[in-house]
Amino acid sequence: QRRIAHFMSLSLYRKNPKRKDIVVLIGAALLFLTVGLSLPIMSVQKLLIWKENFSIWQGITALFKDGSYFLALLIFFFSILFPYAKLTLLSYIWFGKTRQDERKDGMRWLKVLAKWSMLDVFVVAILIVMNKTGGPIEVSPRAGIYFFAISIMLSIYTSWAIDRVVKS
């Protein structure tokens, strides 16, 4: 009976040693998210004279300086805090010594939050459109937006893969 209790408290990682793909997915999602947040997501050019690249973090800082606190906090929450929290919860469910009911609760929370996960992309779109300069401008995507989008897709797939293991 002690063996059963010990096995029940093992992490999903220990119970499923062949599922190295999930470890790779979590790591890749974390890496792509961090790179995506660090690199410029867009380039803004105005009248061939002024050109600047913006990362998500720089966009948040600029909005804060402009007094757009609500939008800055919204973007911070959904583009930085939420994706890292989701990956942290996925990591806890996979690597933590948790009971089955705790795993199911965690996955249930992730499903509730997943409804908001595409808001990350919407927020980035708002950031691109919310350029307060007047006149003809050209906004073009940069590498950061692709890394960020890939991290979101990886976290969605990782969540799905872990959920399948939890349910089995």
N, C-alpha and C. Protein backbone atom coordinates (compact mmCIF):
# COMPACT_ATOMS: atom_id res chain seq x y z
N GLN A 1 0.83 -1.20 0.00
CA GLN A 1 0.00 0.00 0.00
C GLN A 1 0.87 1.26 0.00
N ARG A 2 2.02 1.17 0.64
CA ARG A 2 2.94 2.30 0.63
C ARG A 2 3.45 2.59 -0.78
N ARG A 3 3.68 1.50 -1.52
CA ARG A 3 4.13 1.65 -2.90
C ARG A 3 3.09 2.36 -3.75
N ILE A 4 1.84 2.00 -3.53
CA ILE A 4 0.74 2.63 -4.28
C ILE A 4 0.68 4.11 -3.94
N ALA A 5 0.77 4.44 -2.65
CA ALA A 5 0.74 5.85 -2.23
C ALA A 5 1.92 6.61 -2.82
N HIS A 6 3.10 5.97 -2.85
CA HIS A 6 4.28 6.62 -3.43
C HIS A 6 4.08 6.85 -4.93
N PHE A 7 3.59 5.85 -5.63
CA PHE A 7 3.36 5.97 -7.07
C PHE A 7 2.33 7.06 -7.37
N MET A 8 1.30 7.13 -6.55
CA MET A 8 0.24 8.12 -6.78
C MET A 8 0.76 9.54 -6.62
N SER A 9 1.83 9.73 -5.81
CA SER A 9 2.35 11.08 -5.60
C SER A 9 3.51 11.41 -6.54
N LEU A 10 3.87 10.47 -7.41
CA LEU A 10 4.93 10.76 -8.37
C LEU A 10 4.46 11.82 -9.37
N SER A 11 5.43 12.55 -9.88
CA SER A 11 5.08 13.54 -10.90
C SER A 11 4.71 12.82 -12.19
N LEU A 12 3.97 13.52 -13.03
CA LEU A 12 3.65 12.97 -14.35
C LEU A 12 4.94 12.71 -15.14
N TYR A 13 5.93 13.52 -14.91
CA TYR A 13 7.23 13.34 -15.56
C TYR A 13 7.82 11.98 -15.19
N ARG A 14 7.75 11.61 -13.92
CA ARG A 14 8.29 10.32 -13.47
C ARG A 14 7.39 9.16 -13.91
N LYS A 15 6.10 9.39 -13.95
CA LYS A 15 5.17 8.33 -14.36
C LYS A 15 5.22 8.06 -15.85
N ASN A 16 5.65 9.05 -16.63
CA ASN A 16 5.67 8.96 -18.09
C ASN A 16 7.07 9.28 -18.62
N PRO A 17 8.05 8.44 -18.29
CA PRO A 17 9.44 8.76 -18.66
C PRO A 17 9.68 8.82 -20.17
N LYS A 18 8.81 8.22 -20.95
CA LYS A 18 8.99 8.25 -22.41
C LYS A 18 8.47 9.54 -23.04
N ARG A 19 7.74 10.33 -22.28
CA ARG A 19 7.15 11.55 -22.83
C ARG A 19 8.12 12.73 -22.72
N LYS A 20 9.28 12.58 -23.31
CA LYS A 20 10.27 13.66 -23.33
C LYS A 20 9.79 14.84 -24.18
N ASP A 21 8.84 14.56 -25.06
CA ASP A 21 8.31 15.62 -25.92
C ASP A 21 7.70 16.76 -25.11
N ILE A 22 7.07 16.41 -23.99
CA ILE A 22 6.43 17.46 -23.18
C ILE A 22 7.48 18.34 -22.53
N VAL A 23 8.58 17.75 -22.09
CA VAL A 23 9.68 18.53 -21.52
C VAL A 23 10.22 19.49 -22.58
N VAL A 24 10.41 18.99 -23.78
CA VAL A 24 10.91 19.82 -24.88
C VAL A 24 9.90 20.92 -25.21
N LEU A 25 8.62 20.59 -25.24
CA LEU A 25 7.58 21.59 -25.54
C LEU A 25 7.56 22.71 -24.51
N ILE A 26 7.63 22.34 -23.22
CA ILE A 26 7.63 23.37 -22.16
C ILE A 26 8.86 24.26 -22.31
N GLY A 27 10.03 23.63 -22.50
CA GLY A 27 11.26 24.40 -22.66
C GLY A 27 11.24 25.30 -23.89
N ALA A 28 10.75 24.76 -25.00
CA ALA A 28 10.69 25.54 -26.23
C ALA A 28 9.71 26.71 -26.10
N ALA A 29 8.56 26.46 -25.50
CA ALA A 29 7.57 27.54 -25.31
C ALA A 29 8.15 28.65 -24.44
N LEU A 30 8.86 28.27 -23.39
CA LEU A 30 9.49 29.25 -22.50
C LEU A 30 10.57 30.04 -23.24
N LEU A 31 11.38 29.34 -24.00
CA LEU A 31 12.44 29.99 -24.77
C LEU A 31 11.86 30.94 -25.82
N PHE A 32 10.90 30.46 -26.60
CA PHE A 32 10.30 31.30 -27.64
C PHE A 32 9.58 32.51 -27.03
N LEU A 33 8.93 32.33 -25.88
CA LEU A 33 8.26 33.45 -25.22
C LEU A 33 9.27 34.50 -24.79
N THR A 34 10.33 34.07 -24.14
CA THR A 34 11.35 35.01 -23.66
C THR A 34 12.00 35.75 -24.81
N VAL A 35 12.34 35.03 -25.87
CA VAL A 35 12.95 35.67 -27.05
C VAL A 35 11.93 36.61 -27.71
N GLY A 36 10.69 36.15 -27.82
CA GLY A 36 9.65 36.97 -28.44
C GLY A 36 9.39 38.27 -27.71
N LEU A 37 9.51 38.23 -26.39
CA LEU A 37 9.30 39.44 -25.60
C LEU A 37 10.52 40.36 -25.64
N SER A 38 11.68 39.78 -25.92
CA SER A 38 12.92 40.56 -25.93
C SER A 38 13.18 41.24 -27.27
N LEU A 39 12.84 40.56 -28.35
CA LEU A 39 13.10 41.11 -29.69
C LEU A 39 12.01 42.10 -30.09
N PRO A 40 12.34 42.98 -31.03
CA PRO A 40 11.31 43.89 -31.55
C PRO A 40 10.19 43.10 -32.23
N ILE A 41 8.94 43.54 -31.99
CA ILE A 41 7.79 42.90 -32.63
C ILE A 41 7.34 43.66 -33.85
N MET A 42 7.74 44.94 -33.92
CA MET A 42 7.33 45.75 -35.06
C MET A 42 8.34 46.85 -35.30
N SER A 43 8.30 47.33 -36.52
CA SER A 43 9.11 48.46 -36.92
C SER A 43 8.14 49.53 -37.41
N VAL A 44 8.31 50.74 -36.92
CA VAL A 44 7.43 51.84 -37.31
C VAL A 44 8.28 52.87 -38.05
N GLN A 45 7.83 53.21 -39.25
CA GLN A 45 8.53 54.20 -40.05
C GLN A 45 7.56 55.30 -40.44
N LYS A 46 8.00 56.54 -40.27
CA LYS A 46 7.16 57.69 -40.59
C LYS A 46 7.89 58.58 -41.60
N LEU A 47 7.27 58.75 -42.75
CA LEU A 47 7.76 59.66 -43.79
C LEU A 47 9.22 59.44 -44.18
N LEU A 48 9.68 58.24 -44.18
CA LEU A 48 11.06 57.88 -44.56
C LEU A 48 12.12 58.59 -43.72
N ILE A 49 11.71 59.32 -42.72
CA ILE A 49 12.65 60.08 -41.90
C ILE A 49 12.91 59.37 -40.57
N TRP A 50 11.85 58.95 -39.95
CA TRP A 50 11.92 58.39 -38.61
C TRP A 50 11.57 56.92 -38.65
N LYS A 51 12.41 56.10 -38.05
CA LYS A 51 12.14 54.66 -38.01
C LYS A 51 12.58 54.14 -36.65
N GLU A 52 11.70 53.33 -36.05
CA GLU A 52 12.03 52.77 -34.74
C GLU A 52 11.43 51.38 -34.61
N ASN A 53 12.18 50.52 -33.92
CA ASN A 53 11.71 49.17 -33.61
C ASN A 53 11.18 49.14 -32.18
N PHE A 54 10.11 48.36 -31.97
CA PHE A 54 9.51 48.26 -30.64
C PHE A 54 9.37 46.81 -30.22
N SER A 55 9.76 46.52 -29.00
CA SER A 55 9.46 45.22 -28.40
C SER A 55 8.17 45.38 -27.60
N ILE A 56 7.62 44.29 -27.14
CA ILE A 56 6.40 44.37 -26.32
C ILE A 56 6.69 45.18 -25.07
N TRP A 57 7.83 44.91 -24.46
CA TRP A 57 8.18 45.63 -23.23
C TRP A 57 8.33 47.13 -23.50
N GLN A 58 8.96 47.51 -24.60
CA GLN A 58 9.10 48.92 -24.95
C GLN A 58 7.73 49.55 -25.22
N GLY A 59 6.83 48.80 -25.83
CA GLY A 59 5.47 49.30 -26.06
C GLY A 59 4.74 49.57 -24.75
N ILE A 60 4.89 48.66 -23.80
CA ILE A 60 4.26 48.84 -22.48
C ILE A 60 4.83 50.07 -21.80
N THR A 61 6.15 50.21 -21.84
CA THR A 61 6.80 51.37 -21.23
C THR A 61 6.34 52.67 -21.87
N ALA A 62 6.25 52.69 -23.20
CA ALA A 62 5.81 53.89 -23.92
C ALA A 62 4.37 54.24 -23.56
N LEU A 63 3.50 53.23 -23.48
CA LEU A 63 2.11 53.49 -23.10
C LEU A 63 2.02 54.04 -21.68
N PHE A 64 2.84 53.52 -20.79
CA PHE A 64 2.86 54.00 -19.41
C PHE A 64 3.30 55.47 -19.36
N LYS A 65 4.34 55.79 -20.12
CA LYS A 65 4.84 57.17 -20.16
C LYS A 65 3.81 58.12 -20.75
N ASP A 66 3.02 57.63 -21.71
CA ASP A 66 1.98 58.45 -22.34
C ASP A 66 0.73 58.58 -21.47
N GLY A 67 0.70 57.88 -20.34
CA GLY A 67 -0.45 57.95 -19.45
C GLY A 67 -1.54 56.95 -19.76
N SER A 68 -1.29 56.04 -20.67
CA SER A 68 -2.28 55.00 -21.01
C SER A 68 -2.07 53.80 -20.08
N TYR A 69 -2.32 54.03 -18.79
CA TYR A 69 -2.02 53.02 -17.76
C TYR A 69 -2.85 51.75 -17.92
N PHE A 70 -4.14 51.93 -18.21
CA PHE A 70 -5.00 50.75 -18.33
C PHE A 70 -4.54 49.85 -19.47
N LEU A 71 -4.26 50.44 -20.62
CA LEU A 71 -3.82 49.65 -21.78
C LEU A 71 -2.44 49.02 -21.51
N ALA A 72 -1.56 49.78 -20.86
CA ALA A 72 -0.23 49.24 -20.52
C ALA A 72 -0.36 48.04 -19.59
N LEU A 73 -1.22 48.16 -18.58
CA LEU A 73 -1.42 47.04 -17.65
C LEU A 73 -2.10 45.86 -18.33
N LEU A 74 -3.03 46.14 -19.21
CA LEU A 74 -3.71 45.08 -19.96
C LEU A 74 -2.71 44.29 -20.81
N ILE A 75 -1.87 45.00 -21.52
CA ILE A 75 -0.86 44.34 -22.35
C ILE A 75 0.15 43.60 -21.48
N PHE A 76 0.57 44.20 -20.37
CA PHE A 76 1.50 43.53 -19.46
C PHE A 76 0.89 42.23 -18.94
N PHE A 77 -0.36 42.30 -18.53
CA PHE A 77 -1.00 41.11 -17.96
C PHE A 77 -1.14 40.00 -19.00
N PHE A 78 -1.69 40.33 -20.16
CA PHE A 78 -2.00 39.29 -21.14
C PHE A 78 -0.82 38.89 -22.03
N SER A 79 0.19 39.74 -22.16
CA SER A 79 1.31 39.39 -23.03
C SER A 79 2.55 38.93 -22.27
N ILE A 80 2.66 39.29 -21.00
CA ILE A 80 3.83 38.89 -20.23
C ILE A 80 3.45 37.99 -19.06
N LEU A 81 2.63 38.51 -18.16
CA LEU A 81 2.30 37.76 -16.94
C LEU A 81 1.52 36.48 -17.23
N PHE A 82 0.48 36.57 -18.03
CA PHE A 82 -0.36 35.41 -18.31
C PHE A 82 0.39 34.27 -18.99
N PRO A 83 1.17 34.52 -20.06
CA PRO A 83 1.88 33.40 -20.69
C PRO A 83 2.88 32.72 -19.75
N TYR A 84 3.59 33.51 -18.94
CA TYR A 84 4.53 32.90 -17.99
C TYR A 84 3.79 32.12 -16.91
N ALA A 85 2.66 32.65 -16.44
CA ALA A 85 1.87 31.94 -15.43
C ALA A 85 1.35 30.62 -15.99
N LYS A 86 0.91 30.63 -17.23
CA LYS A 86 0.41 29.41 -17.87
C LYS A 86 1.52 28.36 -17.96
N LEU A 87 2.70 28.77 -18.40
CA LEU A 87 3.82 27.83 -18.51
C LEU A 87 4.28 27.34 -17.13
N THR A 88 4.18 28.20 -16.13
CA THR A 88 4.52 27.79 -14.76
C THR A 88 3.55 26.74 -14.27
N LEU A 89 2.26 26.94 -14.50
CA LEU A 89 1.25 25.96 -14.09
C LEU A 89 1.42 24.65 -14.85
N LEU A 90 1.68 24.71 -16.14
CA LEU A 90 1.93 23.49 -16.91
C LEU A 90 3.15 22.74 -16.37
N SER A 91 4.19 23.48 -16.03
CA SER A 91 5.40 22.86 -15.47
C SER A 91 5.10 22.21 -14.13
N TYR A 92 4.31 22.89 -13.31
CA TYR A 92 3.95 22.34 -12.00
C TYR A 92 3.14 21.05 -12.16
N ILE A 93 2.19 21.07 -13.07
CA ILE A 93 1.37 19.87 -13.30
C ILE A 93 2.23 18.72 -13.81
N TRP A 94 3.21 19.01 -14.66
CA TRP A 94 4.03 17.95 -15.25
C TRP A 94 5.14 17.47 -14.30
N PHE A 95 5.84 18.40 -13.66
CA PHE A 95 7.01 18.04 -12.85
C PHE A 95 6.72 17.91 -11.35
N GLY A 96 5.63 18.53 -10.89
CA GLY A 96 5.34 18.52 -9.46
C GLY A 96 4.77 17.21 -8.96
N LYS A 97 5.06 16.90 -7.71
CA LYS A 97 4.47 15.71 -7.08
C LYS A 97 3.05 16.07 -6.66
N THR A 98 2.13 15.84 -7.56
CA THR A 98 0.74 16.23 -7.33
C THR A 98 -0.17 15.01 -7.42
N ARG A 99 -1.29 15.14 -6.76
CA ARG A 99 -2.30 14.09 -6.84
C ARG A 99 -3.13 14.30 -8.11
N GLN A 100 -3.82 13.26 -8.50
CA GLN A 100 -4.62 13.31 -9.73
C GLN A 100 -5.68 14.40 -9.66
N ASP A 101 -6.32 14.56 -8.51
CA ASP A 101 -7.35 15.60 -8.40
C ASP A 101 -6.74 17.00 -8.53
N GLU A 102 -5.52 17.19 -8.04
CA GLU A 102 -4.85 18.48 -8.19
C GLU A 102 -4.50 18.75 -9.66
N ARG A 103 -4.07 17.70 -10.34
CA ARG A 103 -3.76 17.85 -11.77
C ARG A 103 -5.01 18.23 -12.56
N LYS A 104 -6.11 17.54 -12.25
CA LYS A 104 -7.36 17.83 -12.96
C LYS A 104 -7.83 19.26 -12.67
N ASP A 105 -7.69 19.70 -11.41
CA ASP A 105 -8.05 21.07 -11.08
C ASP A 105 -7.18 22.07 -11.84
N GLY A 106 -5.87 21.79 -11.90
CA GLY A 106 -4.96 22.66 -12.64
C GLY A 106 -5.32 22.75 -14.11
N MET A 107 -5.64 21.60 -14.69
CA MET A 107 -6.02 21.59 -16.11
C MET A 107 -7.35 22.30 -16.32
N ARG A 108 -8.25 22.17 -15.36
CA ARG A 108 -9.54 22.87 -15.46
C ARG A 108 -9.30 24.39 -15.46
N TRP A 109 -8.40 24.85 -14.59
CA TRP A 109 -8.06 26.28 -14.55
C TRP A 109 -7.45 26.72 -15.88
N LEU A 110 -6.58 25.88 -16.41
CA LEU A 110 -5.96 26.22 -17.69
C LEU A 110 -6.99 26.32 -18.80
N LYS A 111 -7.99 25.46 -18.77
CA LYS A 111 -9.04 25.52 -19.79
C LYS A 111 -9.84 26.81 -19.68
N VAL A 112 -10.11 27.24 -18.46
CA VAL A 112 -10.82 28.51 -18.25
C VAL A 112 -9.96 29.66 -18.77
N LEU A 113 -8.68 29.62 -18.42
CA LEU A 113 -7.78 30.69 -18.85
C LEU A 113 -7.47 30.64 -20.34
N ALA A 114 -7.55 29.44 -20.93
CA ALA A 114 -7.24 29.29 -22.36
C ALA A 114 -8.18 30.12 -23.23
N LYS A 115 -9.38 30.35 -22.73
CA LYS A 115 -10.32 31.17 -23.49
C LYS A 115 -9.76 32.58 -23.70
N TRP A 116 -8.87 32.97 -22.81
CA TRP A 116 -8.27 34.29 -22.89
C TRP A 116 -6.92 34.28 -23.59
N SER A 117 -6.38 33.10 -23.91
CA SER A 117 -5.00 33.04 -24.40
C SER A 117 -4.83 33.69 -25.76
N MET A 118 -5.82 33.69 -26.60
CA MET A 118 -5.67 34.36 -27.89
C MET A 118 -5.75 35.87 -27.74
N LEU A 119 -6.12 36.33 -26.55
CA LEU A 119 -6.09 37.76 -26.30
C LEU A 119 -4.66 38.28 -26.38
N ASP A 120 -3.67 37.40 -26.11
CA ASP A 120 -2.26 37.79 -26.25
C ASP A 120 -2.02 38.34 -27.65
N VAL A 121 -2.46 37.60 -28.64
CA VAL A 121 -2.26 38.00 -30.03
C VAL A 121 -3.03 39.29 -30.33
N PHE A 122 -4.25 39.38 -29.82
CA PHE A 122 -5.06 40.58 -30.01
C PHE A 122 -4.38 41.80 -29.39
N VAL A 123 -3.80 41.60 -28.22
CA VAL A 123 -3.11 42.70 -27.54
C VAL A 123 -1.93 43.18 -28.37
N VAL A 124 -1.19 42.26 -28.94
CA VAL A 124 -0.06 42.65 -29.79
C VAL A 124 -0.57 43.41 -31.02
N ALA A 125 -1.69 42.97 -31.57
CA ALA A 125 -2.28 43.68 -32.71
C ALA A 125 -2.67 45.10 -32.30
N ILE A 126 -3.24 45.25 -31.12
CA ILE A 126 -3.58 46.59 -30.62
C ILE A 126 -2.32 47.43 -30.49
N LEU A 127 -1.26 46.82 -29.98
CA LEU A 127 -0.01 47.53 -29.81
C LEU A 127 0.52 48.04 -31.15
N ILE A 128 0.38 47.23 -32.18
CA ILE A 128 0.83 47.64 -33.51
C ILE A 128 -0.02 48.79 -34.03
N VAL A 129 -1.33 48.70 -33.84
CA VAL A 129 -2.24 49.72 -34.35
C VAL A 129 -2.18 51.00 -33.51
N MET A 130 -1.92 50.85 -32.22
CA MET A 130 -1.92 52.00 -31.31
C MET A 130 -0.65 52.83 -31.44
N ASN A 131 -0.42 53.36 -32.57
CA ASN A 131 0.72 54.23 -32.77
C ASN A 131 0.17 55.65 -32.78
N LYS A 132 0.64 56.47 -31.85
CA LYS A 132 0.04 57.78 -31.68
C LYS A 132 0.64 58.85 -32.60
N THR A 133 1.48 58.44 -33.54
CA THR A 133 2.03 59.44 -34.46
C THR A 133 1.03 59.71 -35.57
N GLY A 134 1.05 60.90 -36.06
CA GLY A 134 0.14 61.25 -37.14
C GLY A 134 0.82 61.09 -38.49
N GLY A 135 0.07 61.25 -39.53
CA GLY A 135 0.62 61.18 -40.87
C GLY A 135 0.81 59.76 -41.35
N PRO A 136 1.33 59.66 -42.56
CA PRO A 136 1.51 58.32 -43.14
C PRO A 136 2.62 57.55 -42.41
N ILE A 137 2.25 56.40 -41.94
CA ILE A 137 3.22 55.55 -41.25
C ILE A 137 3.20 54.16 -41.86
N GLU A 138 4.30 53.50 -41.71
CA GLU A 138 4.40 52.12 -42.17
C GLU A 138 4.81 51.27 -40.97
N VAL A 139 3.98 50.29 -40.65
CA VAL A 139 4.27 49.38 -39.55
C VAL A 139 4.52 48.01 -40.14
N SER A 140 5.67 47.45 -39.83
CA SER A 140 5.97 46.11 -40.34
C SER A 140 6.40 45.19 -39.20
N PRO A 141 6.01 43.93 -39.30
CA PRO A 141 6.34 42.98 -38.24
C PRO A 141 7.84 42.67 -38.21
N ARG A 142 8.33 42.36 -37.02
CA ARG A 142 9.72 41.96 -36.83
C ARG A 142 9.73 40.57 -36.20
N ALA A 143 10.90 40.03 -36.02
CA ALA A 143 11.07 38.64 -35.56
C ALA A 143 10.36 38.35 -34.25
N GLY A 144 10.32 39.31 -33.35
CA GLY A 144 9.72 39.08 -32.04
C GLY A 144 8.28 38.61 -32.10
N ILE A 145 7.51 39.15 -33.04
CA ILE A 145 6.09 38.77 -33.14
C ILE A 145 5.96 37.30 -33.54
N TYR A 146 6.88 36.82 -34.35
CA TYR A 146 6.83 35.41 -34.77
C TYR A 146 7.22 34.48 -33.63
N PHE A 147 8.26 34.86 -32.89
CA PHE A 147 8.66 34.06 -31.73
C PHE A 147 7.54 34.04 -30.70
N PHE A 148 6.91 35.19 -30.48
CA PHE A 148 5.82 35.30 -29.52
C PHE A 148 4.65 34.42 -29.95
N ALA A 149 4.27 34.49 -31.21
CA ALA A 149 3.15 33.68 -31.72
C ALA A 149 3.46 32.19 -31.63
N ILE A 150 4.69 31.81 -31.95
CA ILE A 150 5.07 30.40 -31.85
C ILE A 150 4.99 29.93 -30.40
N SER A 151 5.40 30.78 -29.46
CA SER A 151 5.33 30.40 -28.04
C SER A 151 3.89 30.16 -27.61
N ILE A 152 2.97 30.97 -28.11
CA ILE A 152 1.56 30.79 -27.77
C ILE A 152 1.06 29.46 -28.33
N MET A 153 1.40 29.18 -29.58
CA MET A 153 0.97 27.91 -30.19
C MET A 153 1.58 26.71 -29.46
N LEU A 154 2.84 26.82 -29.09
CA LEU A 154 3.50 25.73 -28.35
C LEU A 154 2.84 25.51 -26.99
N SER A 155 2.48 26.60 -26.31
CA SER A 155 1.85 26.44 -24.99
C SER A 155 0.45 25.85 -25.12
N ILE A 156 -0.26 26.19 -26.18
CA ILE A 156 -1.58 25.60 -26.42
C ILE A 156 -1.44 24.10 -26.67
N TYR A 157 -0.48 23.72 -27.51
CA TYR A 157 -0.26 22.30 -27.81
C TYR A 157 0.22 21.55 -26.56
N THR A 158 1.11 22.16 -25.78
CA THR A 158 1.61 21.54 -24.55
C THR A 158 0.47 21.31 -23.58
N SER A 159 -0.40 22.28 -23.45
CA SER A 159 -1.56 22.14 -22.57
C SER A 159 -2.44 20.98 -23.01
N TRP A 160 -2.66 20.87 -24.30
CA TRP A 160 -3.46 19.77 -24.85
C TRP A 160 -2.78 18.42 -24.58
N ALA A 161 -1.46 18.34 -24.79
CA ALA A 161 -0.73 17.08 -24.59
C ALA A 161 -0.75 16.66 -23.12
N ILE A 162 -0.54 17.60 -22.21
CA ILE A 162 -0.57 17.27 -20.78
C ILE A 162 -1.97 16.86 -20.36
N ASP A 163 -2.98 17.55 -20.88
CA ASP A 163 -4.37 17.20 -20.55
C ASP A 163 -4.68 15.77 -20.95
N ARG A 164 -4.19 15.34 -22.08
CA ARG A 164 -4.41 13.95 -22.53
C ARG A 164 -3.76 12.96 -21.56
N VAL A 165 -2.58 13.29 -21.06
CA VAL A 165 -1.90 12.41 -20.10
C VAL A 165 -2.66 12.39 -18.78
N VAL A 166 -3.11 13.56 -18.33
CA VAL A 166 -3.86 13.64 -17.07
C VAL A 166 -5.13 12.81 -17.15
N LYS A 167 -5.82 12.86 -18.29
CA LYS A 167 -7.08 12.12 -18.45
C LYS A 167 -6.88 10.62 -18.61
N SER A 168 -5.68 10.19 -19.01
CA SER A 168 -5.47 8.75 -19.25
C SER A 168 -5.17 7.99 -17.97
